[in-house]
């Protein structure tokens, strides 16, 4: 695929990561990124339709997710390295206040905070933007992961990028 050599470091809300687009098949993703280091398969519920497969690319600090209910099309991307930018911002490693300030500077105001702490992760927090379909995960007040997916229309149907 000719798009292989394009820079895949720019996070594009609702669309993907560079030339990696939501809605792509596992075969298309594999032709761009190669074999994953690990494939994780799981279900959040007992439903036969709720089945997820995550591919992890350790050297890239990148994970991609596919869901059965979406015909195994790419439905989530997660990054955890400062190699990735969003709206020309390098956010990884910043604290919550810095991330919120930078996002507001580029016009993102629908940020919601949730404490996700547990015994295993005592300082685990989430800031999300529904309009962007993005989650910003913090551990010990430091952004460690950005996770996003395609956008949805008013009827809760996925808007797959072209």
N, C-alpha and C. Protein backbone atom coordinates (compact mmCIF):
# COMPACT_ATOMS: atom_id res chain seq x y z
N UNK A 1 0.85 -1.18 0.00
CA UNK A 1 0.00 0.00 0.00
C UNK A 1 0.89 1.24 0.00
N UNK A 2 0.67 2.15 -0.90
CA UNK A 2 1.52 3.34 -1.05
C UNK A 2 1.49 4.23 0.18
N UNK A 3 0.41 4.18 0.93
CA UNK A 3 0.26 5.06 2.10
C UNK A 3 1.16 4.64 3.25
N UNK A 4 1.85 3.50 3.13
CA UNK A 4 2.68 3.01 4.22
C UNK A 4 3.72 4.02 4.67
N UNK A 5 4.27 4.79 3.77
CA UNK A 5 5.37 5.68 4.11
C UNK A 5 4.90 7.01 4.67
N UNK A 6 3.61 7.25 4.70
CA UNK A 6 3.11 8.50 5.27
C UNK A 6 3.33 8.50 6.78
N UNK A 7 3.45 9.70 7.32
CA UNK A 7 3.67 9.86 8.75
C UNK A 7 2.37 9.57 9.50
N UNK A 8 2.38 8.57 10.36
CA UNK A 8 1.19 8.18 11.12
C UNK A 8 1.32 8.62 12.57
N UNK A 9 1.54 9.91 12.78
CA UNK A 9 1.68 10.42 14.14
C UNK A 9 0.66 11.49 14.49
N UNK A 10 -0.13 11.96 13.52
CA UNK A 10 -1.11 13.02 13.79
C UNK A 10 -2.47 12.41 14.12
N UNK A 11 -2.92 12.63 15.35
CA UNK A 11 -4.22 12.16 15.82
C UNK A 11 -5.29 13.03 15.18
N UNK A 12 -6.24 12.39 14.49
CA UNK A 12 -7.32 13.13 13.85
C UNK A 12 -8.64 12.62 14.42
N UNK A 13 -9.32 13.49 15.21
CA UNK A 13 -10.55 13.06 15.88
C UNK A 13 -11.57 12.57 14.88
N UNK A 14 -12.20 11.42 15.22
CA UNK A 14 -13.25 10.86 14.39
C UNK A 14 -12.77 10.19 13.12
N UNK A 15 -11.50 10.38 12.78
CA UNK A 15 -10.97 9.87 11.51
C UNK A 15 -9.93 8.77 11.69
N UNK A 16 -8.94 9.01 12.58
CA UNK A 16 -7.91 8.01 12.79
C UNK A 16 -6.57 8.60 13.16
N UNK A 17 -5.52 8.03 12.60
CA UNK A 17 -4.15 8.41 12.90
C UNK A 17 -3.38 8.46 11.59
N UNK A 18 -3.14 9.66 11.07
CA UNK A 18 -2.48 9.77 9.78
C UNK A 18 -3.30 9.08 8.71
N UNK A 19 -2.69 8.10 8.02
CA UNK A 19 -3.42 7.38 6.97
C UNK A 19 -4.11 6.11 7.49
N UNK A 20 -4.12 5.92 8.80
CA UNK A 20 -4.83 4.80 9.42
C UNK A 20 -6.22 5.31 9.77
N UNK A 21 -7.24 4.78 9.10
CA UNK A 21 -8.59 5.31 9.24
C UNK A 21 -9.52 4.33 9.95
N UNK A 22 -10.39 4.89 10.79
CA UNK A 22 -11.43 4.05 11.39
C UNK A 22 -12.25 3.42 10.28
N UNK A 23 -12.63 2.16 10.50
CA UNK A 23 -13.40 1.44 9.50
C UNK A 23 -12.54 0.52 8.64
N UNK A 24 -11.21 0.66 8.72
CA UNK A 24 -10.33 -0.22 7.94
C UNK A 24 -10.42 -1.64 8.48
N UNK A 25 -10.16 -2.59 7.62
CA UNK A 25 -10.17 -4.00 8.02
C UNK A 25 -8.85 -4.36 8.72
N UNK A 26 -8.85 -5.52 9.36
CA UNK A 26 -7.62 -5.99 10.01
C UNK A 26 -6.52 -6.19 8.97
N UNK A 27 -6.88 -6.67 7.79
CA UNK A 27 -5.90 -6.87 6.72
C UNK A 27 -5.29 -5.55 6.28
N UNK A 28 -6.11 -4.52 6.15
CA UNK A 28 -5.59 -3.20 5.76
C UNK A 28 -4.65 -2.64 6.82
N UNK A 29 -5.02 -2.79 8.08
CA UNK A 29 -4.17 -2.30 9.17
C UNK A 29 -2.85 -3.07 9.19
N UNK A 30 -2.93 -4.36 9.00
CA UNK A 30 -1.71 -5.18 8.99
C UNK A 30 -0.80 -4.79 7.83
N UNK A 31 -1.35 -4.40 6.68
CA UNK A 31 -0.52 -4.00 5.55
C UNK A 31 0.19 -2.67 5.82
N UNK A 32 -0.37 -1.85 6.71
CA UNK A 32 0.25 -0.57 7.06
C UNK A 32 1.23 -0.74 8.22
N UNK A 33 0.80 -1.43 9.28
CA UNK A 33 1.59 -1.51 10.51
C UNK A 33 2.40 -2.79 10.67
N UNK A 34 2.07 -3.81 9.90
CA UNK A 34 2.75 -5.10 10.05
C UNK A 34 2.10 -5.95 11.12
N UNK A 35 2.80 -7.02 11.49
CA UNK A 35 2.30 -7.94 12.51
C UNK A 35 2.33 -7.28 13.88
N UNK A 36 1.25 -7.38 14.65
CA UNK A 36 1.29 -6.83 16.01
C UNK A 36 2.18 -7.68 16.92
N UNK A 37 2.68 -7.06 17.99
CA UNK A 37 3.48 -7.79 18.98
C UNK A 37 2.60 -8.70 19.84
N UNK A 38 1.36 -8.28 20.01
CA UNK A 38 0.42 -9.04 20.85
C UNK A 38 -0.99 -8.81 20.33
N UNK A 39 -1.78 -9.88 20.36
CA UNK A 39 -3.21 -9.78 20.04
C UNK A 39 -3.98 -10.22 21.28
N UNK A 40 -4.86 -9.35 21.74
CA UNK A 40 -5.65 -9.60 22.94
C UNK A 40 -7.11 -9.69 22.53
N UNK A 41 -7.78 -10.76 22.93
CA UNK A 41 -9.19 -10.95 22.59
C UNK A 41 -9.99 -11.05 23.88
N UNK A 42 -11.12 -10.33 23.92
CA UNK A 42 -11.94 -10.35 25.14
C UNK A 42 -13.34 -9.87 24.84
N UNK A 43 -14.21 -10.02 25.85
CA UNK A 43 -15.58 -9.54 25.77
C UNK A 43 -15.89 -8.81 27.08
N UNK A 44 -16.58 -7.68 26.96
CA UNK A 44 -16.97 -6.93 28.16
C UNK A 44 -18.21 -7.52 28.82
N UNK A 45 -19.00 -8.27 28.06
CA UNK A 45 -20.24 -8.86 28.58
C UNK A 45 -20.32 -10.32 28.17
N UNK A 46 -21.44 -10.96 28.49
CA UNK A 46 -21.67 -12.34 28.08
C UNK A 46 -22.30 -12.44 26.70
N UNK A 47 -22.60 -11.32 26.08
CA UNK A 47 -23.23 -11.30 24.77
C UNK A 47 -22.28 -11.83 23.69
N UNK A 48 -22.82 -12.64 22.78
CA UNK A 48 -22.00 -13.18 21.69
C UNK A 48 -21.59 -12.08 20.71
N UNK A 49 -22.33 -10.96 20.68
CA UNK A 49 -22.03 -9.87 19.76
C UNK A 49 -20.96 -8.93 20.32
N UNK A 50 -20.66 -9.03 21.60
CA UNK A 50 -19.72 -8.13 22.26
C UNK A 50 -18.36 -8.82 22.34
N UNK A 51 -17.60 -8.73 21.26
CA UNK A 51 -16.29 -9.35 21.22
C UNK A 51 -15.31 -8.36 20.63
N UNK A 52 -14.18 -8.18 21.28
CA UNK A 52 -13.18 -7.19 20.89
C UNK A 52 -11.83 -7.86 20.69
N UNK A 53 -11.07 -7.31 19.74
CA UNK A 53 -9.71 -7.78 19.50
C UNK A 53 -8.81 -6.55 19.46
N UNK A 54 -7.83 -6.49 20.34
CA UNK A 54 -6.87 -5.39 20.37
C UNK A 54 -5.51 -5.88 19.90
N UNK A 55 -4.89 -5.10 19.03
CA UNK A 55 -3.54 -5.39 18.55
C UNK A 55 -2.61 -4.37 19.17
N UNK A 56 -1.51 -4.85 19.73
CA UNK A 56 -0.54 -3.97 20.39
C UNK A 56 0.77 -3.95 19.60
N UNK A 57 1.24 -2.74 19.34
CA UNK A 57 2.52 -2.52 18.67
C UNK A 57 3.44 -1.81 19.67
N UNK A 58 4.25 -2.62 20.35
CA UNK A 58 5.03 -2.11 21.48
C UNK A 58 6.02 -1.01 21.09
N UNK A 59 6.77 -1.19 20.01
CA UNK A 59 7.77 -0.20 19.63
C UNK A 59 7.14 1.12 19.22
N UNK A 60 5.90 1.09 18.74
CA UNK A 60 5.20 2.30 18.32
C UNK A 60 4.42 2.95 19.46
N UNK A 61 4.29 2.26 20.60
CA UNK A 61 3.42 2.71 21.69
C UNK A 61 2.01 2.97 21.16
N UNK A 62 1.50 1.99 20.43
CA UNK A 62 0.24 2.11 19.70
C UNK A 62 -0.56 0.82 19.85
N UNK A 63 -1.86 0.97 20.07
CA UNK A 63 -2.78 -0.18 20.07
C UNK A 63 -3.97 0.17 19.19
N UNK A 64 -4.48 -0.82 18.49
CA UNK A 64 -5.66 -0.63 17.66
C UNK A 64 -6.68 -1.70 18.04
N UNK A 65 -7.97 -1.34 18.00
CA UNK A 65 -9.02 -2.26 18.41
C UNK A 65 -10.06 -2.47 17.33
N UNK A 66 -10.52 -3.70 17.24
CA UNK A 66 -11.55 -4.10 16.28
C UNK A 66 -12.67 -4.76 17.06
N UNK A 67 -13.92 -4.53 16.63
CA UNK A 67 -15.05 -5.12 17.33
C UNK A 67 -15.91 -5.93 16.38
N UNK A 68 -16.39 -7.06 16.87
CA UNK A 68 -17.25 -7.94 16.08
C UNK A 68 -18.49 -7.19 15.60
N UNK A 69 -19.10 -6.38 16.50
CA UNK A 69 -20.34 -5.69 16.12
C UNK A 69 -20.12 -4.67 15.00
N UNK A 70 -18.86 -4.30 14.75
CA UNK A 70 -18.52 -3.39 13.65
C UNK A 70 -17.91 -4.16 12.47
N UNK A 71 -18.21 -5.46 12.36
CA UNK A 71 -17.68 -6.31 11.30
C UNK A 71 -16.15 -6.31 11.30
N UNK A 72 -15.56 -6.28 12.48
CA UNK A 72 -14.11 -6.34 12.66
C UNK A 72 -13.39 -5.18 11.99
N UNK A 73 -14.06 -4.03 11.90
CA UNK A 73 -13.40 -2.84 11.38
C UNK A 73 -12.71 -2.10 12.53
N UNK A 74 -11.69 -1.33 12.19
CA UNK A 74 -10.95 -0.56 13.19
C UNK A 74 -11.90 0.39 13.90
N UNK A 75 -11.98 0.27 15.23
CA UNK A 75 -12.94 1.09 15.98
C UNK A 75 -12.31 1.88 17.13
N UNK A 76 -11.07 1.57 17.50
CA UNK A 76 -10.38 2.38 18.52
C UNK A 76 -8.89 2.41 18.23
N UNK A 77 -8.28 3.51 18.63
CA UNK A 77 -6.83 3.66 18.57
C UNK A 77 -6.39 4.24 19.91
N UNK A 78 -5.28 3.74 20.43
CA UNK A 78 -4.70 4.25 21.67
C UNK A 78 -3.21 4.47 21.45
N UNK A 79 -2.72 5.61 21.93
CA UNK A 79 -1.29 5.91 21.84
C UNK A 79 -0.77 6.32 23.21
N UNK A 80 0.50 6.03 23.45
CA UNK A 80 1.07 6.36 24.77
C UNK A 80 2.50 6.89 24.67
N UNK A 81 2.78 7.62 23.61
CA UNK A 81 4.12 8.16 23.40
C UNK A 81 4.03 9.62 22.97
N UNK A 82 5.08 10.38 23.27
CA UNK A 82 5.09 11.78 22.85
C UNK A 82 5.44 11.92 21.37
N UNK A 83 5.52 10.82 20.64
CA UNK A 83 5.70 10.86 19.18
C UNK A 83 4.41 11.29 18.48
N UNK A 84 3.28 11.25 19.20
CA UNK A 84 1.98 11.53 18.59
C UNK A 84 1.52 12.93 18.98
N UNK A 85 0.88 13.62 18.02
CA UNK A 85 0.39 14.97 18.28
C UNK A 85 -1.10 15.05 17.96
N UNK A 86 -1.77 15.98 18.61
CA UNK A 86 -3.17 16.26 18.36
C UNK A 86 -3.31 17.76 18.16
N UNK A 87 -3.78 18.16 16.97
CA UNK A 87 -3.90 19.58 16.62
C UNK A 87 -2.57 20.31 16.83
N UNK A 88 -1.50 19.64 16.41
CA UNK A 88 -0.12 20.14 16.54
C UNK A 88 0.32 20.33 17.99
N UNK A 89 -0.38 19.70 18.92
CA UNK A 89 -0.02 19.77 20.33
C UNK A 89 0.61 18.45 20.75
N UNK A 90 1.70 18.53 21.48
CA UNK A 90 2.29 17.34 22.07
C UNK A 90 1.84 17.32 23.53
N UNK A 91 0.88 16.47 23.84
CA UNK A 91 0.23 16.47 25.16
C UNK A 91 0.78 15.43 26.13
N UNK A 92 1.40 14.38 25.61
CA UNK A 92 1.81 13.26 26.46
C UNK A 92 2.79 13.73 27.54
N UNK A 93 2.54 13.29 28.76
CA UNK A 93 3.41 13.63 29.87
C UNK A 93 3.01 14.89 30.62
N UNK A 94 2.07 15.67 30.05
CA UNK A 94 1.61 16.87 30.74
C UNK A 94 0.64 16.50 31.86
N UNK A 95 0.47 17.41 32.83
CA UNK A 95 -0.50 17.14 33.89
C UNK A 95 -1.91 17.54 33.42
N UNK A 96 -2.92 17.22 34.23
CA UNK A 96 -4.33 17.47 33.85
C UNK A 96 -4.58 18.93 33.53
N UNK A 97 -4.10 19.81 34.38
CA UNK A 97 -4.35 21.24 34.16
C UNK A 97 -3.73 21.73 32.85
N UNK A 98 -2.53 21.27 32.55
CA UNK A 98 -1.85 21.66 31.31
C UNK A 98 -2.60 21.13 30.09
N UNK A 99 -3.05 19.87 30.15
CA UNK A 99 -3.79 19.28 29.03
C UNK A 99 -5.10 20.04 28.81
N UNK A 100 -5.84 20.28 29.88
CA UNK A 100 -7.11 21.01 29.76
C UNK A 100 -6.87 22.40 29.18
N UNK A 101 -5.86 23.10 29.64
CA UNK A 101 -5.57 24.45 29.14
C UNK A 101 -5.25 24.41 27.65
N UNK A 102 -4.42 23.46 27.22
CA UNK A 102 -4.05 23.37 25.80
C UNK A 102 -5.25 23.01 24.93
N UNK A 103 -6.09 22.09 25.42
CA UNK A 103 -7.28 21.72 24.64
C UNK A 103 -8.24 22.90 24.52
N UNK A 104 -8.39 23.66 25.58
CA UNK A 104 -9.27 24.84 25.53
C UNK A 104 -8.72 25.89 24.58
N UNK A 105 -7.39 26.00 24.49
CA UNK A 105 -6.76 26.95 23.56
C UNK A 105 -7.13 26.65 22.11
N UNK A 106 -7.36 25.36 21.79
CA UNK A 106 -7.73 24.99 20.42
C UNK A 106 -9.24 24.79 20.28
N UNK A 107 -10.01 25.31 21.25
CA UNK A 107 -11.46 25.35 21.13
C UNK A 107 -12.22 24.16 21.65
N UNK A 108 -11.57 23.27 22.38
CA UNK A 108 -12.25 22.09 22.91
C UNK A 108 -12.67 22.39 24.35
N UNK A 109 -13.98 22.46 24.56
CA UNK A 109 -14.47 22.90 25.86
C UNK A 109 -15.35 21.86 26.56
N UNK A 110 -15.76 20.81 25.85
CA UNK A 110 -16.68 19.82 26.46
C UNK A 110 -15.90 18.72 27.18
N UNK A 111 -15.05 19.11 28.10
CA UNK A 111 -14.21 18.15 28.81
C UNK A 111 -14.87 17.74 30.12
N UNK A 112 -14.96 16.43 30.32
CA UNK A 112 -15.55 15.88 31.53
C UNK A 112 -14.49 15.08 32.28
N UNK A 113 -14.48 15.22 33.59
CA UNK A 113 -13.50 14.55 34.45
C UNK A 113 -14.16 13.38 35.18
N UNK A 114 -13.40 12.28 35.30
CA UNK A 114 -13.88 11.15 36.08
C UNK A 114 -12.71 10.50 36.81
N UNK A 115 -12.88 10.25 38.09
CA UNK A 115 -11.86 9.56 38.88
C UNK A 115 -12.05 8.07 38.66
N UNK A 116 -11.05 7.41 38.08
CA UNK A 116 -11.12 5.98 37.77
C UNK A 116 -10.18 5.18 38.68
N UNK A 117 -9.80 5.76 39.80
CA UNK A 117 -8.85 5.13 40.71
C UNK A 117 -9.38 3.82 41.26
N UNK A 118 -8.46 2.91 41.50
CA UNK A 118 -8.79 1.60 42.09
C UNK A 118 -7.62 1.21 42.99
N UNK A 119 -7.74 0.06 43.61
CA UNK A 119 -6.66 -0.41 44.47
C UNK A 119 -5.39 -0.62 43.65
N UNK A 120 -5.55 -1.16 42.42
CA UNK A 120 -4.39 -1.42 41.55
C UNK A 120 -3.82 -0.13 40.97
N UNK A 121 -4.71 0.83 40.67
CA UNK A 121 -4.31 2.11 40.08
C UNK A 121 -4.88 3.24 40.95
N UNK A 122 -4.19 3.58 42.03
CA UNK A 122 -4.75 4.53 43.00
C UNK A 122 -4.90 5.97 42.50
N UNK A 123 -4.19 6.36 41.47
CA UNK A 123 -4.28 7.73 40.95
C UNK A 123 -4.56 7.70 39.46
N UNK A 124 -5.64 7.03 39.07
CA UNK A 124 -6.00 6.81 37.67
C UNK A 124 -7.21 7.69 37.35
N UNK A 125 -7.04 8.63 36.42
CA UNK A 125 -8.09 9.60 36.13
C UNK A 125 -8.31 9.72 34.63
N UNK A 126 -9.52 10.16 34.28
CA UNK A 126 -9.93 10.27 32.88
C UNK A 126 -10.52 11.65 32.63
N UNK A 127 -10.10 12.25 31.52
CA UNK A 127 -10.76 13.44 31.00
C UNK A 127 -11.21 13.06 29.60
N UNK A 128 -12.51 13.25 29.33
CA UNK A 128 -13.02 12.85 28.02
C UNK A 128 -13.75 14.00 27.34
N UNK A 129 -13.81 13.91 26.03
CA UNK A 129 -14.57 14.86 25.22
C UNK A 129 -15.50 14.05 24.33
N UNK A 130 -16.79 14.17 24.58
CA UNK A 130 -17.77 13.43 23.78
C UNK A 130 -17.78 13.91 22.33
N UNK A 131 -17.63 15.22 22.13
CA UNK A 131 -17.67 15.75 20.76
C UNK A 131 -16.51 15.24 19.92
N UNK A 132 -15.36 14.95 20.56
CA UNK A 132 -14.20 14.42 19.85
C UNK A 132 -14.15 12.90 19.84
N UNK A 133 -14.92 12.27 20.74
CA UNK A 133 -14.83 10.82 20.90
C UNK A 133 -13.46 10.42 21.43
N UNK A 134 -12.91 11.27 22.34
CA UNK A 134 -11.55 11.04 22.83
C UNK A 134 -11.50 10.93 24.34
N UNK A 135 -10.60 10.05 24.81
CA UNK A 135 -10.33 9.88 26.23
C UNK A 135 -8.86 10.19 26.48
N UNK A 136 -8.61 10.95 27.54
CA UNK A 136 -7.26 11.29 27.96
C UNK A 136 -7.05 10.66 29.33
N UNK A 137 -6.16 9.66 29.42
CA UNK A 137 -5.96 8.88 30.64
C UNK A 137 -4.73 9.38 31.39
N UNK A 138 -4.90 9.61 32.69
CA UNK A 138 -3.83 10.12 33.54
C UNK A 138 -3.52 9.13 34.66
N UNK A 139 -2.25 8.97 34.94
CA UNK A 139 -1.79 8.24 36.11
C UNK A 139 -0.86 9.16 36.87
N UNK A 140 -1.12 9.32 38.16
CA UNK A 140 -0.33 10.24 39.00
C UNK A 140 -0.26 11.63 38.37
N UNK A 141 -1.41 12.11 37.84
CA UNK A 141 -1.56 13.45 37.27
C UNK A 141 -0.70 13.68 36.03
N UNK A 142 -0.35 12.61 35.31
CA UNK A 142 0.43 12.74 34.08
C UNK A 142 -0.28 12.00 32.95
N UNK A 143 -0.48 12.69 31.81
CA UNK A 143 -1.14 12.05 30.67
C UNK A 143 -0.27 10.91 30.15
N UNK A 144 -0.83 9.70 30.19
CA UNK A 144 -0.09 8.51 29.76
C UNK A 144 -0.67 7.85 28.52
N UNK A 145 -1.94 8.17 28.19
CA UNK A 145 -2.55 7.53 27.03
C UNK A 145 -3.68 8.41 26.48
N UNK A 146 -3.75 8.45 25.16
CA UNK A 146 -4.87 9.07 24.46
C UNK A 146 -5.55 7.97 23.68
N UNK A 147 -6.87 7.89 23.81
CA UNK A 147 -7.67 6.84 23.18
C UNK A 147 -8.84 7.51 22.47
N UNK A 148 -9.12 7.08 21.23
CA UNK A 148 -10.24 7.67 20.50
C UNK A 148 -10.79 6.69 19.48
N UNK A 149 -11.99 7.05 18.99
CA UNK A 149 -12.68 6.22 18.03
C UNK A 149 -13.45 7.09 17.05
N UNK A 150 -14.24 6.46 16.19
CA UNK A 150 -15.03 7.23 15.23
C UNK A 150 -16.12 8.03 15.95
N UNK A 151 -16.66 8.99 15.26
CA UNK A 151 -17.75 9.79 15.82
C UNK A 151 -19.09 9.10 15.54
N UNK A 152 -20.13 9.58 16.22
CA UNK A 152 -21.47 9.01 16.08
C UNK A 152 -22.45 10.12 15.71
N UNK A 153 -23.48 9.76 14.93
CA UNK A 153 -24.50 10.75 14.58
C UNK A 153 -25.54 10.84 15.70
N UNK A 154 -26.56 11.65 15.50
CA UNK A 154 -27.57 11.88 16.55
C UNK A 154 -28.39 10.64 16.87
N UNK A 155 -28.37 9.64 15.98
CA UNK A 155 -29.08 8.38 16.22
C UNK A 155 -28.15 7.30 16.76
N UNK A 156 -26.96 7.68 17.16
CA UNK A 156 -25.94 6.77 17.71
C UNK A 156 -25.40 5.77 16.68
N UNK A 157 -25.41 6.14 15.41
CA UNK A 157 -24.80 5.32 14.38
C UNK A 157 -23.39 5.83 14.12
N UNK A 158 -22.47 4.90 13.90
CA UNK A 158 -21.07 5.26 13.64
C UNK A 158 -20.97 6.03 12.33
N UNK A 159 -20.18 7.09 12.36
CA UNK A 159 -19.87 7.84 11.14
C UNK A 159 -18.47 7.40 10.72
N UNK A 160 -18.41 6.47 9.78
CA UNK A 160 -17.10 5.97 9.31
C UNK A 160 -16.49 6.98 8.36
N UNK A 161 -15.21 7.29 8.51
CA UNK A 161 -14.56 8.23 7.59
C UNK A 161 -14.46 7.64 6.18
N UNK A 162 -14.41 8.51 5.20
CA UNK A 162 -14.26 8.05 3.81
C UNK A 162 -12.80 7.84 3.47
